C-alpha atoms as a PDB file:
ATOM      1  CA  MET A   1      22.101 -17.466  18.821  1.00  0.00           C
ATOM      2  CA  HIS A   2      19.306 -15.200  17.624  1.00  0.00           C
ATOM      3  CA  LEU A   3      16.410 -13.810  19.791  1.00  0.00           C
ATOM      4  CA  TRP A   4      12.859 -13.191  18.168  1.00  0.00           C
ATOM      5  CA  SER A   5      10.314 -11.101  19.353  1.00  0.00           C
ATOM      6  CA  LYS A   6       7.225 -10.668  18.529  1.00  0.00           C
ATOM      7  CA  ARG A   7       6.017  -7.757  15.946  1.00  0.00           C
ATOM      8  CA  SER A   8       2.756  -6.943  17.727  1.00  0.00           C
ATOM      9  CA  THR A   9       0.174  -6.089  13.865  1.00  0.00           C
ATOM     10  CA  VAL A  10      -2.295  -3.200  14.298  1.00  0.00           C
ATOM     11  CA  VAL A  11      -5.070  -3.965  12.602  1.00  0.00           C
ATOM     12  CA  SER A  12      -7.344  -1.335  11.731  1.00  0.00           C
ATOM     13  CA  TRP A  13     -10.839  -1.872   9.956  1.00  0.00           C
ATOM     14  CA  SER A  14     -12.564   1.040   7.169  1.00  0.00           C
ATOM     15  CA  TYR A  15     -15.590   0.320   5.334  1.00  0.00           C
ATOM     16  CA  ILE A  16     -17.147   0.014   1.631  1.00  0.00           C
ATOM     17  CA  VAL A  17     -20.752   0.572   1.110  1.00  0.00           C
ATOM     18  CA  VAL A  18     -21.984  -1.654  -1.351  1.00  0.00           C
ATOM     19  CA  CYS A  19     -26.677  -0.942  -2.376  1.00  0.00           C
ATOM     20  CA  LYS A  20     -26.668  -5.684  -3.652  1.00  0.00           C
ATOM     21  CA  LYS A  21     -30.177  -3.233  -5.750  1.00  0.00           C
ATOM     22  CA  CYS A  22     -29.019  -0.306  -7.662  1.00  0.00           C
ATOM     23  CA  GLY A  23     -25.493  -2.030  -8.049  1.00  0.00           C
ATOM     24  CA  TYR A  24     -23.216   1.615  -6.078  1.00  0.00           C
ATOM     25  CA  ILE A  25     -20.415   0.676  -4.477  1.00  0.00           C
ATOM     26  CA  SER A  26     -18.004   3.687  -2.632  1.00  0.00           C
ATOM     27  CA  ALA A  27     -14.870   4.430  -4.220  1.00  0.00           C
ATOM     28  CA  GLU A  28     -13.182   4.966  -0.974  1.00  0.00           C
ATOM     29  CA  LYS A  29     -12.372   2.209   1.959  1.00  0.00           C
ATOM     30  CA  LEU A  30     -13.882   4.735   5.147  1.00  0.00           C
ATOM     31  CA  PRO A  31     -13.762   4.820   8.816  1.00  0.00           C
ATOM     32  CA  GLU A  32     -17.587   3.592   9.779  1.00  0.00           C
ATOM     33  CA  GLN A  33     -19.020   6.991  10.791  1.00  0.00           C
ATOM     34  CA  GLU A  34     -18.504   7.735   7.288  1.00  0.00           C
ATOM     35  CA  ALA A  35     -19.650   4.377   6.192  1.00  0.00           C
ATOM     36  CA  LYS A  36     -22.995   5.597   7.959  1.00  0.00           C
ATOM     37  CA  ASP A  37     -23.192   8.652   6.203  1.00  0.00           C
ATOM     38  CA  LEU A  38     -23.057   7.604   3.105  1.00  0.00           C
ATOM     39  CA  ARG A  39     -25.238   4.720   3.263  1.00  0.00           C
ATOM     40  CA  ARG A  40     -28.084   7.295   5.199  1.00  0.00           C
ATOM     41  CA  SER A  41     -27.679   9.554   2.129  1.00  0.00           C
ATOM     42  CA  HIS A  42     -28.413   6.703  -0.784  1.00  0.00           C
ATOM     43  CA  LEU A  43     -30.798   6.067   0.824  1.00  0.00           C
ATOM     44  CA  GLU A  44     -32.343  10.112   1.277  1.00  0.00           C
ATOM     45  CA  GLY A  45     -31.405  10.298  -2.661  1.00  0.00           C
ATOM     46  CA  SER A  46     -31.842   6.887  -3.921  1.00  0.00           C
ATOM     47  CA  HIS A  47     -34.907   4.771  -6.333  1.00  0.00           C
ATOM     48  CA  GLY A  48     -36.201   2.093  -4.836  1.00  0.00           C
ATOM     49  CA  CYS A  49     -32.595   1.258  -2.181  1.00  0.00           C
ATOM     50  CA  THR A  50     -34.165   0.801   0.801  1.00  0.00           C
ATOM     51  CA  ILE A  51     -31.233  -0.770   3.731  1.00  0.00           C
ATOM     52  CA  SER A  52     -32.382  -4.525   4.077  1.00  0.00           C
ATOM     53  CA  HIS A  53     -30.284  -3.364  -0.065  1.00  0.00           C
ATOM     54  CA  ILE A  54     -27.021  -2.015   1.366  1.00  0.00           C
ATOM     55  CA  THR A  55     -24.075  -2.870   2.822  1.00  0.00           C
ATOM     56  CA  LEU A  56     -20.910  -1.804   4.806  1.00  0.00           C
ATOM     57  CA  MET A  57     -18.167  -4.363   4.222  1.00  0.00           C
ATOM     58  CA  LYS A  58     -15.899  -4.291   6.567  1.00  0.00           C
ATOM     59  CA  VAL A  59     -12.323  -4.165   4.641  1.00  0.00           C
ATOM     60  CA  ARG A  60      -8.843  -4.607   6.241  1.00  0.00           C
ATOM     61  CA  THR A  61      -5.997  -1.911   5.785  1.00  0.00           C
END
């Protein structure tokens, strides 16, 4: 008789920055704070991209 134990799986999340206006997509999966910093720097350096154009997509890692 085998006893099976449930293994708890730790799910971690990363983020990808996507701009719907200019088509920018970050090349790496980033921790949340780094993704927010990248979003801010994209806003400062962009030509007409606004916060409403930029999405942080949550991805499972």
